[in-house]
Amino acid sequence: MTTGGLGATYDDLTLEGMAAAIGKQVVLDNRAVEMLKKSYAVRRLNYELTEARLKMAKIPEGSTPIQNLVGSAPAIMEQAGKTKIFCLPGVPSEMQAIFEKLVLPLVKEGVGRFVAKEINYSVRGVTEAMMAPALINIVESHPRDAIYLKTHPRGYYRKKTPQIRVQLISHGSDEKDVKKRLGAIAKIIEKEVIRLGGRIC
């Protein structure tokens, strides 16, 4: 997903760049022209469709324009192989309106049911290197797409005691499995911190 660069000025080059990346030409799209007219009509703007304004209706050939619900320039959806690319306006209110009403439902439909649960530990007295072997074992014993486990250094407490944050995310389609996995791994992490002489703050 990109935001910005869909406007009428010479430096709005997002769609040209995207088209070049996927080997397409940018063309004037009649659907995008109608969306532009509708945007102006809704806001009672009696604007002439000048060449500069029509630039906002020039999209990569075969892309799908998406009605801008707040501003002028249509958003774009492009299917590149199995990947959907969304190009949204950069104005925050326009981007948010299009994303929440039109893009997010498509993303949810593509992802399907998805649950994620997270725990973060603030740990003192243990370094990343000390935790690394246990974390490697945890990651290798679970499906790669089921957990995210990462340590983040946090400097030193009173200039001598190492501090880290341990971030654990369990995700999947079944909430019970996600919670069970999170709880089991959390216990392993807690025991390992104690074994290494650290403590959870």
N, C-alpha and C. Protein backbone atom coordinates (compact mmCIF):
# COMPACT_ATOMS: atom_id res chain seq x y z
N MET A 1 0.84 -1.18 0.00
CA MET A 1 0.00 0.00 0.00
C MET A 1 0.88 1.24 0.00
N THR A 2 0.52 2.21 -0.83
CA THR A 2 1.21 3.49 -0.83
C THR A 2 0.22 4.59 -0.47
N THR A 3 0.73 5.72 0.01
CA THR A 3 -0.12 6.87 0.26
C THR A 3 0.55 8.10 -0.34
N GLY A 4 -0.24 8.92 -1.00
CA GLY A 4 0.28 10.16 -1.56
C GLY A 4 0.71 10.02 -3.01
N GLY A 5 0.86 11.17 -3.67
CA GLY A 5 1.37 11.20 -5.03
C GLY A 5 0.34 10.92 -6.11
N LEU A 6 -0.96 11.12 -5.80
CA LEU A 6 -2.02 10.85 -6.78
C LEU A 6 -2.62 12.14 -7.35
N GLY A 7 -2.08 13.28 -6.97
CA GLY A 7 -2.69 14.56 -7.31
C GLY A 7 -2.42 15.06 -8.71
N ALA A 8 -2.67 16.37 -8.88
CA ALA A 8 -2.67 16.98 -10.21
C ALA A 8 -1.34 17.61 -10.60
N THR A 9 -0.38 17.68 -9.69
CA THR A 9 0.86 18.38 -9.99
C THR A 9 1.92 17.47 -10.61
N TYR A 10 2.94 18.10 -11.19
CA TYR A 10 3.96 17.36 -11.94
C TYR A 10 4.73 16.37 -11.07
N ASP A 11 4.82 16.65 -9.77
CA ASP A 11 5.60 15.78 -8.89
C ASP A 11 4.77 14.68 -8.24
N ASP A 12 3.51 14.56 -8.61
CA ASP A 12 2.68 13.44 -8.14
C ASP A 12 2.92 12.26 -9.09
N LEU A 13 3.87 11.41 -8.72
CA LEU A 13 4.36 10.39 -9.65
C LEU A 13 4.16 8.95 -9.16
N THR A 14 3.35 8.77 -8.13
CA THR A 14 3.16 7.42 -7.58
C THR A 14 2.67 6.43 -8.63
N LEU A 15 1.65 6.80 -9.38
CA LEU A 15 1.07 5.85 -10.34
C LEU A 15 2.00 5.60 -11.52
N GLU A 16 2.74 6.62 -11.93
CA GLU A 16 3.73 6.42 -12.99
C GLU A 16 4.81 5.44 -12.53
N GLY A 17 5.25 5.62 -11.28
CA GLY A 17 6.27 4.73 -10.72
C GLY A 17 5.77 3.31 -10.57
N MET A 18 4.53 3.16 -10.07
CA MET A 18 3.96 1.82 -9.91
C MET A 18 3.79 1.15 -11.27
N ALA A 19 3.31 1.91 -12.27
CA ALA A 19 3.11 1.36 -13.60
C ALA A 19 4.43 0.88 -14.19
N ALA A 20 5.47 1.68 -14.03
CA ALA A 20 6.79 1.29 -14.55
C ALA A 20 7.29 0.02 -13.86
N ALA A 21 7.02 -0.09 -12.57
CA ALA A 21 7.49 -1.26 -11.81
C ALA A 21 6.84 -2.56 -12.27
N ILE A 22 5.59 -2.47 -12.72
CA ILE A 22 4.88 -3.70 -13.14
C ILE A 22 4.75 -3.80 -14.65
N GLY A 23 5.44 -2.92 -15.39
CA GLY A 23 5.48 -3.01 -16.84
C GLY A 23 4.21 -2.60 -17.55
N LYS A 24 3.54 -1.57 -17.03
CA LYS A 24 2.30 -1.09 -17.66
C LYS A 24 2.43 0.38 -18.06
N GLN A 25 1.49 0.84 -18.89
CA GLN A 25 1.40 2.23 -19.27
C GLN A 25 0.32 2.92 -18.42
N VAL A 26 0.48 4.22 -18.20
CA VAL A 26 -0.54 5.01 -17.54
C VAL A 26 -1.48 5.56 -18.61
N VAL A 27 -2.78 5.34 -18.44
CA VAL A 27 -3.77 5.77 -19.43
C VAL A 27 -4.93 6.49 -18.75
N LEU A 28 -5.61 7.34 -19.51
CA LEU A 28 -6.81 8.00 -19.00
C LEU A 28 -7.92 6.95 -18.89
N ASP A 29 -8.46 6.80 -17.69
CA ASP A 29 -9.47 5.77 -17.44
C ASP A 29 -10.84 6.43 -17.29
N ASN A 30 -11.80 6.01 -18.11
CA ASN A 30 -13.14 6.64 -18.09
C ASN A 30 -13.84 6.49 -16.74
N ARG A 31 -13.62 5.35 -16.06
CA ARG A 31 -14.23 5.16 -14.74
C ARG A 31 -13.67 6.18 -13.75
N ALA A 32 -12.35 6.40 -13.82
CA ALA A 32 -11.71 7.36 -12.93
C ALA A 32 -12.17 8.79 -13.24
N VAL A 33 -12.42 9.08 -14.53
CA VAL A 33 -12.94 10.40 -14.91
C VAL A 33 -14.30 10.62 -14.27
N GLU A 34 -15.16 9.60 -14.32
CA GLU A 34 -16.50 9.72 -13.73
C GLU A 34 -16.42 9.88 -12.22
N MET A 35 -15.47 9.20 -11.59
CA MET A 35 -15.29 9.35 -10.15
C MET A 35 -14.84 10.76 -9.80
N LEU A 36 -13.98 11.32 -10.64
CA LEU A 36 -13.52 12.68 -10.44
C LEU A 36 -14.69 13.66 -10.54
N LYS A 37 -15.52 13.47 -11.57
CA LYS A 37 -16.71 14.32 -11.73
C LYS A 37 -17.63 14.20 -10.53
N LYS A 38 -17.82 12.98 -10.03
CA LYS A 38 -18.69 12.76 -8.88
C LYS A 38 -18.13 13.46 -7.63
N SER A 39 -16.81 13.37 -7.45
CA SER A 39 -16.18 14.04 -6.30
C SER A 39 -16.45 15.53 -6.32
N TYR A 40 -16.34 16.13 -7.51
CA TYR A 40 -16.59 17.56 -7.63
C TYR A 40 -18.08 17.88 -7.42
N ALA A 41 -18.95 17.05 -7.97
CA ALA A 41 -20.39 17.29 -7.86
C ALA A 41 -20.86 17.21 -6.41
N VAL A 42 -20.37 16.22 -5.68
CA VAL A 42 -20.76 16.03 -4.28
C VAL A 42 -20.39 17.26 -3.45
N ARG A 43 -19.26 17.86 -3.78
CA ARG A 43 -18.79 19.03 -3.02
C ARG A 43 -19.21 20.35 -3.69
N ARG A 44 -20.06 20.23 -4.72
CA ARG A 44 -20.59 21.40 -5.44
C ARG A 44 -19.47 22.28 -5.98
N LEU A 45 -18.49 21.64 -6.56
CA LEU A 45 -17.38 22.37 -7.17
C LEU A 45 -17.55 22.33 -8.69
N ASN A 46 -17.77 23.46 -9.27
CA ASN A 46 -18.01 23.54 -10.71
C ASN A 46 -16.68 23.69 -11.45
N TYR A 47 -15.83 22.66 -11.33
CA TYR A 47 -14.51 22.71 -11.91
C TYR A 47 -14.49 22.20 -13.34
N GLU A 48 -13.73 22.87 -14.18
CA GLU A 48 -13.51 22.39 -15.54
C GLU A 48 -12.47 21.26 -15.48
N LEU A 49 -12.69 20.22 -16.26
CA LEU A 49 -11.74 19.10 -16.28
C LEU A 49 -10.56 19.46 -17.17
N THR A 50 -9.65 20.23 -16.59
CA THR A 50 -8.43 20.64 -17.30
C THR A 50 -7.48 19.46 -17.41
N GLU A 51 -6.42 19.63 -18.20
CA GLU A 51 -5.43 18.57 -18.35
C GLU A 51 -4.82 18.20 -16.99
N ALA A 52 -4.58 19.22 -16.16
CA ALA A 52 -4.00 18.96 -14.84
C ALA A 52 -4.95 18.12 -13.98
N ARG A 53 -6.25 18.45 -14.02
CA ARG A 53 -7.21 17.68 -13.21
C ARG A 53 -7.39 16.26 -13.77
N LEU A 54 -7.37 16.15 -15.10
CA LEU A 54 -7.52 14.82 -15.71
C LEU A 54 -6.32 13.92 -15.40
N LYS A 55 -5.20 14.53 -15.01
CA LYS A 55 -4.04 13.73 -14.60
C LYS A 55 -4.42 12.78 -13.46
N MET A 56 -5.35 13.22 -12.61
CA MET A 56 -5.77 12.39 -11.48
C MET A 56 -6.58 11.17 -11.92
N ALA A 57 -7.01 11.15 -13.18
CA ALA A 57 -7.77 10.01 -13.72
C ALA A 57 -6.91 9.15 -14.64
N LYS A 58 -5.60 9.43 -14.68
CA LYS A 58 -4.69 8.62 -15.48
C LYS A 58 -4.07 7.57 -14.56
N ILE A 59 -4.38 6.32 -14.84
CA ILE A 59 -3.98 5.23 -13.95
C ILE A 59 -3.32 4.12 -14.77
N PRO A 60 -2.60 3.20 -14.12
CA PRO A 60 -2.01 2.08 -14.85
C PRO A 60 -3.10 1.28 -15.57
N GLU A 61 -2.85 0.97 -16.83
CA GLU A 61 -3.83 0.28 -17.65
C GLU A 61 -4.28 -1.02 -16.97
N GLY A 62 -5.61 -1.18 -16.83
CA GLY A 62 -6.15 -2.40 -16.22
C GLY A 62 -6.33 -2.31 -14.72
N SER A 63 -5.84 -1.23 -14.09
CA SER A 63 -6.03 -1.05 -12.64
C SER A 63 -7.50 -0.70 -12.36
N THR A 64 -7.87 -0.85 -11.11
CA THR A 64 -9.25 -0.53 -10.70
C THR A 64 -9.26 0.76 -9.90
N PRO A 65 -9.94 1.81 -10.40
CA PRO A 65 -10.04 3.04 -9.61
C PRO A 65 -11.03 2.87 -8.46
N ILE A 66 -10.78 3.57 -7.36
CA ILE A 66 -11.65 3.51 -6.18
C ILE A 66 -12.09 4.94 -5.86
N GLN A 67 -13.39 5.11 -5.70
CA GLN A 67 -13.95 6.45 -5.45
C GLN A 67 -13.34 7.08 -4.20
N ASN A 68 -12.88 8.31 -4.35
CA ASN A 68 -12.41 9.09 -3.21
C ASN A 68 -13.64 9.62 -2.47
N LEU A 69 -13.80 9.25 -1.21
CA LEU A 69 -15.01 9.59 -0.46
C LEU A 69 -14.97 10.98 0.15
N VAL A 70 -13.79 11.60 0.15
CA VAL A 70 -13.64 12.90 0.81
C VAL A 70 -13.06 13.96 -0.12
N GLY A 71 -12.06 13.57 -0.90
CA GLY A 71 -11.37 14.52 -1.78
C GLY A 71 -11.63 14.25 -3.24
N SER A 72 -10.61 14.46 -4.07
CA SER A 72 -10.79 14.37 -5.52
C SER A 72 -10.16 13.14 -6.16
N ALA A 73 -8.85 12.99 -6.02
CA ALA A 73 -8.14 11.94 -6.76
C ALA A 73 -8.61 10.54 -6.35
N PRO A 74 -9.02 9.72 -7.33
CA PRO A 74 -9.40 8.34 -6.99
C PRO A 74 -8.20 7.56 -6.47
N ALA A 75 -8.47 6.62 -5.60
CA ALA A 75 -7.45 5.65 -5.19
C ALA A 75 -7.39 4.58 -6.27
N ILE A 76 -6.40 3.70 -6.17
CA ILE A 76 -6.20 2.68 -7.19
C ILE A 76 -5.95 1.33 -6.54
N MET A 77 -6.51 0.28 -7.13
CA MET A 77 -6.16 -1.09 -6.75
C MET A 77 -5.57 -1.78 -7.97
N GLU A 78 -4.42 -2.41 -7.79
CA GLU A 78 -3.77 -3.14 -8.87
C GLU A 78 -3.49 -4.56 -8.42
N GLN A 79 -3.78 -5.52 -9.27
CA GLN A 79 -3.48 -6.92 -8.98
C GLN A 79 -2.21 -7.29 -9.73
N ALA A 80 -1.14 -7.55 -9.01
CA ALA A 80 0.13 -7.96 -9.62
C ALA A 80 0.42 -9.38 -9.18
N GLY A 81 0.09 -10.34 -10.02
CA GLY A 81 0.21 -11.74 -9.63
C GLY A 81 -0.78 -12.03 -8.52
N LYS A 82 -0.31 -12.52 -7.38
CA LYS A 82 -1.18 -12.80 -6.25
C LYS A 82 -1.25 -11.63 -5.27
N THR A 83 -0.59 -10.54 -5.62
CA THR A 83 -0.49 -9.40 -4.70
C THR A 83 -1.42 -8.26 -5.12
N LYS A 84 -2.17 -7.75 -4.14
CA LYS A 84 -2.99 -6.56 -4.38
C LYS A 84 -2.20 -5.33 -3.93
N ILE A 85 -2.12 -4.34 -4.79
CA ILE A 85 -1.44 -3.09 -4.47
C ILE A 85 -2.49 -1.99 -4.39
N PHE A 86 -2.51 -1.27 -3.28
CA PHE A 86 -3.44 -0.15 -3.12
C PHE A 86 -2.63 1.15 -3.09
N CYS A 87 -3.03 2.11 -3.89
CA CYS A 87 -2.43 3.44 -3.88
C CYS A 87 -3.50 4.41 -3.41
N LEU A 88 -3.30 4.98 -2.23
CA LEU A 88 -4.29 5.85 -1.61
C LEU A 88 -3.80 7.30 -1.58
N PRO A 89 -4.73 8.26 -1.52
CA PRO A 89 -4.33 9.66 -1.41
C PRO A 89 -3.52 9.89 -0.13
N GLY A 90 -2.69 10.94 -0.16
CA GLY A 90 -1.86 11.24 1.01
C GLY A 90 -2.53 12.10 2.06
N VAL A 91 -3.59 12.81 1.69
CA VAL A 91 -4.30 13.63 2.68
C VAL A 91 -4.90 12.68 3.73
N PRO A 92 -4.54 12.84 5.01
CA PRO A 92 -4.96 11.87 6.03
C PRO A 92 -6.45 11.54 6.05
N SER A 93 -7.31 12.55 5.96
CA SER A 93 -8.76 12.28 6.03
C SER A 93 -9.23 11.47 4.82
N GLU A 94 -8.65 11.73 3.65
CA GLU A 94 -9.02 10.98 2.45
C GLU A 94 -8.52 9.55 2.54
N MET A 95 -7.26 9.40 2.94
CA MET A 95 -6.67 8.06 3.06
C MET A 95 -7.44 7.22 4.07
N GLN A 96 -7.76 7.80 5.22
CA GLN A 96 -8.45 7.05 6.28
C GLN A 96 -9.84 6.62 5.83
N ALA A 97 -10.57 7.52 5.19
CA ALA A 97 -11.93 7.19 4.75
C ALA A 97 -11.93 6.05 3.74
N ILE A 98 -11.03 6.11 2.77
CA ILE A 98 -10.97 5.06 1.75
C ILE A 98 -10.50 3.75 2.36
N PHE A 99 -9.47 3.83 3.21
CA PHE A 99 -8.94 2.61 3.81
C PHE A 99 -9.99 1.90 4.66
N GLU A 100 -10.66 2.64 5.54
CA GLU A 100 -11.61 2.01 6.46
C GLU A 100 -12.84 1.47 5.75
N LYS A 101 -13.35 2.20 4.76
CA LYS A 101 -14.62 1.80 4.13
C LYS A 101 -14.45 0.83 2.97
N LEU A 102 -13.33 0.92 2.26
CA LEU A 102 -13.20 0.13 1.04
C LEU A 102 -12.03 -0.85 1.03
N VAL A 103 -10.89 -0.43 1.56
CA VAL A 103 -9.70 -1.28 1.50
C VAL A 103 -9.68 -2.33 2.60
N LEU A 104 -9.94 -1.91 3.85
CA LEU A 104 -9.88 -2.83 4.98
C LEU A 104 -10.79 -4.04 4.81
N PRO A 105 -12.04 -3.88 4.34
CA PRO A 105 -12.88 -5.07 4.11
C PRO A 105 -12.26 -6.05 3.12
N LEU A 106 -11.59 -5.53 2.09
CA LEU A 106 -10.93 -6.42 1.11
C LEU A 106 -9.75 -7.15 1.74
N VAL A 107 -9.01 -6.43 2.59
CA VAL A 107 -7.87 -7.05 3.27
C VAL A 107 -8.35 -8.15 4.20
N LYS A 108 -9.40 -7.86 4.98
CA LYS A 108 -9.94 -8.86 5.91
C LYS A 108 -10.45 -10.09 5.16
N GLU A 109 -11.08 -9.85 4.04
CA GLU A 109 -11.60 -10.96 3.23
C GLU A 109 -10.45 -11.83 2.73
N GLY A 110 -9.35 -11.19 2.33
CA GLY A 110 -8.20 -11.93 1.83
C GLY A 110 -7.48 -12.70 2.91
N VAL A 111 -7.38 -12.11 4.10
CA VAL A 111 -6.67 -12.75 5.21
C VAL A 111 -7.50 -13.86 5.84
N GLY A 112 -8.82 -13.67 5.89
CA GLY A 112 -9.69 -14.61 6.57
C GLY A 112 -9.67 -14.36 8.07
N ARG A 113 -10.20 -15.29 8.83
CA ARG A 113 -10.25 -15.12 10.29
C ARG A 113 -8.83 -15.12 10.84
N PHE A 114 -8.52 -14.15 11.68
CA PHE A 114 -7.16 -14.00 12.19
C PHE A 114 -7.21 -13.46 13.61
N VAL A 115 -6.48 -14.12 14.50
CA VAL A 115 -6.42 -13.72 15.91
C VAL A 115 -4.96 -13.56 16.30
N ALA A 116 -4.65 -12.50 17.04
CA ALA A 116 -3.29 -12.29 17.53
C ALA A 116 -3.34 -11.86 19.00
N LYS A 117 -2.47 -12.46 19.81
CA LYS A 117 -2.35 -12.11 21.22
C LYS A 117 -0.88 -11.83 21.51
N GLU A 118 -0.63 -10.84 22.36
CA GLU A 118 0.75 -10.40 22.60
C GLU A 118 1.05 -10.24 24.08
N ILE A 119 2.30 -10.59 24.45
CA ILE A 119 2.82 -10.34 25.79
C ILE A 119 4.18 -9.69 25.63
N ASN A 120 4.46 -8.69 26.46
CA ASN A 120 5.78 -8.05 26.48
C ASN A 120 6.34 -8.13 27.89
N TYR A 121 7.60 -8.54 28.00
CA TYR A 121 8.27 -8.62 29.30
C TYR A 121 9.39 -7.59 29.35
N SER A 122 9.45 -6.84 30.44
CA SER A 122 10.58 -5.97 30.70
C SER A 122 11.50 -6.74 31.65
N VAL A 123 12.69 -7.05 31.17
CA VAL A 123 13.59 -7.97 31.89
C VAL A 123 14.88 -7.25 32.28
N ARG A 124 15.32 -7.43 33.52
CA ARG A 124 16.60 -6.90 33.99
C ARG A 124 17.54 -8.03 34.35
N GLY A 125 18.83 -7.79 34.10
CA GLY A 125 19.85 -8.77 34.50
C GLY A 125 20.12 -9.84 33.48
N VAL A 126 19.53 -9.72 32.30
CA VAL A 126 19.71 -10.72 31.23
C VAL A 126 19.95 -9.97 29.93
N THR A 127 20.92 -10.42 29.16
CA THR A 127 21.19 -9.80 27.86
C THR A 127 20.49 -10.59 26.74
N GLU A 128 20.47 -9.97 25.56
CA GLU A 128 19.91 -10.66 24.39
C GLU A 128 20.66 -11.96 24.11
N ALA A 129 21.99 -11.89 24.20
CA ALA A 129 22.81 -13.07 23.91
C ALA A 129 22.51 -14.21 24.88
N MET A 130 22.23 -13.88 26.13
CA MET A 130 21.92 -14.90 27.12
C MET A 130 20.59 -15.58 26.80
N MET A 131 19.62 -14.81 26.32
CA MET A 131 18.29 -15.35 26.00
C MET A 131 18.25 -16.07 24.66
N ALA A 132 19.20 -15.76 23.78
CA ALA A 132 19.13 -16.25 22.40
C ALA A 132 18.95 -17.76 22.26
N PRO A 133 19.72 -18.63 22.96
CA PRO A 133 19.54 -20.08 22.76
C PRO A 133 18.13 -20.56 23.06
N ALA A 134 17.53 -20.07 24.14
CA ALA A 134 16.18 -20.50 24.50
C ALA A 134 15.17 -20.03 23.46
N LEU A 135 15.35 -18.80 22.99
CA LEU A 135 14.41 -18.26 22.00
C LEU A 135 14.51 -19.00 20.67
N ILE A 136 15.73 -19.37 20.30
CA ILE A 136 15.91 -20.15 19.07
C ILE A 136 15.17 -21.49 19.17
N ASN A 137 15.29 -22.15 20.32
CA ASN A 137 14.59 -23.42 20.53
C ASN A 137 13.07 -23.25 20.43
N ILE A 138 12.56 -22.17 21.01
CA ILE A 138 11.11 -21.91 20.96
C ILE A 138 10.66 -21.70 19.52
N VAL A 139 11.36 -20.85 18.80
CA VAL A 139 10.98 -20.53 17.42
C VAL A 139 11.04 -21.78 16.55
N GLU A 140 12.08 -22.59 16.73
CA GLU A 140 12.24 -23.80 15.89
C GLU A 140 11.22 -24.88 16.21
N SER A 141 10.59 -24.80 17.38
CA SER A 141 9.62 -25.83 17.75
C SER A 141 8.18 -25.44 17.44
N HIS A 142 7.98 -24.33 16.76
CA HIS A 142 6.64 -23.88 16.38
C HIS A 142 6.61 -23.53 14.90
N PRO A 143 5.44 -23.64 14.26
CA PRO A 143 5.33 -23.21 12.86
C PRO A 143 5.75 -21.75 12.72
N ARG A 144 6.46 -21.45 11.66
CA ARG A 144 7.03 -20.11 11.46
C ARG A 144 5.97 -19.00 11.44
N ASP A 145 4.77 -19.35 10.95
CA ASP A 145 3.72 -18.34 10.85
C ASP A 145 2.84 -18.28 12.10
N ALA A 146 3.22 -19.01 13.16
CA ALA A 146 2.39 -19.05 14.36
C ALA A 146 2.85 -18.12 15.46
N ILE A 147 4.14 -17.78 15.47
CA ILE A 147 4.65 -16.90 16.53
C ILE A 147 5.64 -15.88 15.98
N TYR A 148 5.74 -14.78 16.72
CA TYR A 148 6.80 -13.79 16.51
C TYR A 148 7.44 -13.58 17.86
N LEU A 149 8.74 -13.79 17.95
CA LEU A 149 9.45 -13.71 19.22
C LEU A 149 10.71 -12.88 19.01
N LYS A 150 10.84 -11.79 19.76
CA LYS A 150 11.95 -10.87 19.53
C LYS A 150 12.38 -10.22 20.83
N THR A 151 13.70 -10.02 20.97
CA THR A 151 14.22 -9.25 22.09
C THR A 151 14.62 -7.86 21.60
N HIS A 152 14.45 -6.87 22.48
CA HIS A 152 14.80 -5.49 22.15
C HIS A 152 15.67 -4.95 23.28
N PRO A 153 16.92 -4.58 23.01
CA PRO A 153 17.78 -4.05 24.08
C PRO A 153 17.26 -2.72 24.61
N ARG A 154 17.40 -2.53 25.91
CA ARG A 154 16.90 -1.31 26.56
C ARG A 154 17.99 -0.62 27.39
N GLY A 155 19.24 -0.83 27.01
CA GLY A 155 20.34 -0.18 27.72
C GLY A 155 20.61 -0.83 29.08
N TYR A 156 21.08 0.00 30.01
CA TYR A 156 21.47 -0.53 31.33
C TYR A 156 20.78 0.22 32.46
N TYR A 157 20.31 -0.54 33.43
CA TYR A 157 19.69 0.03 34.62
C TYR A 157 20.80 0.44 35.58
N ARG A 158 20.79 1.71 36.00
CA ARG A 158 21.84 2.26 36.86
C ARG A 158 23.24 2.00 36.31
N LYS A 159 23.31 2.03 35.01
CA LYS A 159 24.58 1.96 34.25
C LYS A 159 25.29 0.61 34.31
N LYS A 160 24.70 -0.38 34.94
CA LYS A 160 25.43 -1.65 35.02
C LYS A 160 24.57 -2.89 34.78
N THR A 161 23.25 -2.80 35.00
CA THR A 161 22.40 -3.99 34.84
C THR A 161 21.71 -3.96 33.48
N PRO A 162 21.98 -4.96 32.64
CA PRO A 162 21.36 -4.95 31.31
C PRO A 162 19.84 -5.06 31.39
N GLN A 163 19.20 -4.41 30.45
CA GLN A 163 17.74 -4.47 30.37
C GLN A 163 17.33 -4.81 28.93
N ILE A 164 16.33 -5.66 28.80
CA ILE A 164 15.78 -5.98 27.48
C ILE A 164 14.26 -6.07 27.57
N ARG A 165 13.64 -5.92 26.43
CA ARG A 165 12.21 -6.22 26.34
C ARG A 165 12.07 -7.47 25.50
N VAL A 166 11.28 -8.43 25.99
CA VAL A 166 11.01 -9.65 25.23
C VAL A 166 9.57 -9.55 24.73
N GLN A 167 9.44 -9.58 23.42
CA GLN A 167 8.13 -9.44 22.78
C GLN A 167 7.70 -10.80 22.22
N LEU A 168 6.52 -11.23 22.60
CA LEU A 168 5.97 -12.50 22.13
C LEU A 168 4.59 -12.28 21.54
N ILE A 169 4.40 -12.69 20.30
CA ILE A 169 3.10 -12.62 19.66
C ILE A 169 2.74 -14.00 19.14
N SER A 170 1.55 -14.45 19.50
CA SER A 170 1.01 -15.72 18.99
C SER A 170 -0.16 -15.37 18.08
N HIS A 171 -0.19 -15.98 16.89
CA HIS A 171 -1.31 -15.67 15.99
C HIS A 171 -1.73 -16.90 15.20
N GLY A 172 -2.98 -16.84 14.73
CA GLY A 172 -3.55 -17.93 13.97
C GLY A 172 -5.04 -17.72 13.77
N SER A 173 -5.71 -18.75 13.30
CA SER A 173 -7.14 -18.61 13.00
C SER A 173 -8.04 -19.05 14.15
N ASP A 174 -7.50 -19.81 15.11
CA ASP A 174 -8.29 -20.33 16.22
C ASP A 174 -7.86 -19.66 17.52
N GLU A 175 -8.77 -18.93 18.16
CA GLU A 175 -8.42 -18.16 19.35
C GLU A 175 -7.93 -19.03 20.50
N LYS A 176 -8.54 -20.20 20.68
CA LYS A 176 -8.11 -21.11 21.76
C LYS A 176 -6.66 -21.54 21.56
N ASP A 177 -6.32 -21.93 20.34
CA ASP A 177 -4.95 -22.36 20.04
C ASP A 177 -3.96 -21.22 20.24
N VAL A 178 -4.37 -20.04 19.82
CA VAL A 178 -3.49 -18.87 19.95
C VAL A 178 -3.20 -18.59 21.41
N LYS A 179 -4.23 -18.59 22.26
CA LYS A 179 -4.06 -18.33 23.69
C LYS A 179 -3.23 -19.43 24.37
N LYS A 180 -3.51 -20.68 24.00
CA LYS A 180 -2.79 -21.81 24.59
C LYS A 180 -1.30 -21.74 24.26
N ARG A 181 -1.00 -21.45 23.00
CA ARG A 181 0.39 -21.33 22.57
C ARG A 181 1.09 -20.18 23.30
N LEU A 182 0.39 -19.05 23.42
CA LEU A 182 0.96 -17.89 24.10
C LEU A 182 1.29 -18.22 25.55
N GLY A 183 0.35 -18.88 26.23
CA GLY A 183 0.57 -19.23 27.63
C GLY A 183 1.72 -20.19 27.83
N ALA A 184 1.82 -21.19 26.96
CA ALA A 184 2.88 -22.20 27.08
C ALA A 184 4.26 -21.57 26.86
N ILE A 185 4.37 -20.73 25.84
CA ILE A 185 5.66 -20.09 25.55
C ILE A 185 6.02 -19.09 26.65
N ALA A 186 5.01 -18.38 27.15
CA ALA A 186 5.25 -17.39 28.22
C ALA A 186 5.87 -18.06 29.44
N LYS A 187 5.39 -19.24 29.78
CA LYS A 187 5.94 -19.96 30.94
C LYS A 187 7.41 -20.32 30.71
N ILE A 188 7.73 -20.73 29.50
CA ILE A 188 9.12 -21.09 29.18
C ILE A 188 10.02 -19.87 29.33
N ILE A 189 9.55 -18.73 28.81
CA ILE A 189 10.34 -17.49 28.89
C ILE A 189 10.54 -17.07 30.34
N GLU A 190 9.48 -17.13 31.12
CA GLU A 190 9.57 -16.73 32.53
C GLU A 190 10.57 -17.61 33.28
N LYS A 191 10.52 -18.92 33.06
CA LYS A 191 11.45 -19.84 33.73
C LYS A 191 12.88 -19.59 33.29
N GLU A 192 13.07 -19.28 32.00
CA GLU A 192 14.42 -19.04 31.48
C GLU A 192 15.02 -17.78 32.07
N VAL A 193 14.23 -16.74 32.22
CA VAL A 193 14.72 -15.49 32.83
C VAL A 193 15.21 -15.76 34.24
N ILE A 194 14.41 -16.49 35.01
CA ILE A 194 14.80 -16.83 36.39
C ILE A 194 16.05 -17.70 36.39
N ARG A 195 16.11 -18.69 35.51
CA ARG A 195 17.28 -19.60 35.44
C ARG A 195 18.56 -18.82 35.16
N LEU A 196 18.45 -17.77 34.35
CA LEU A 196 19.62 -16.98 33.98
C LEU A 196 19.98 -15.92 35.01
N GLY A 197 19.19 -15.86 36.09
CA GLY A 197 19.50 -14.91 37.16
C GLY A 197 18.91 -13.52 36.95
N GLY A 198 17.98 -13.42 36.00
CA GLY A 198 17.34 -12.13 35.76
C GLY A 198 16.01 -12.04 36.46
N ARG A 199 15.33 -10.92 36.26
CA ARG A 199 13.99 -10.78 36.81
C ARG A 199 13.11 -9.97 35.88
N ILE A 200 11.83 -10.29 35.95
CA ILE A 200 10.83 -9.57 35.15
C ILE A 200 10.29 -8.42 35.98
N CYS A 201 10.39 -7.20 35.44
CA CYS A 201 9.96 -6.00 36.18
C CYS A 201 8.49 -5.70 35.96
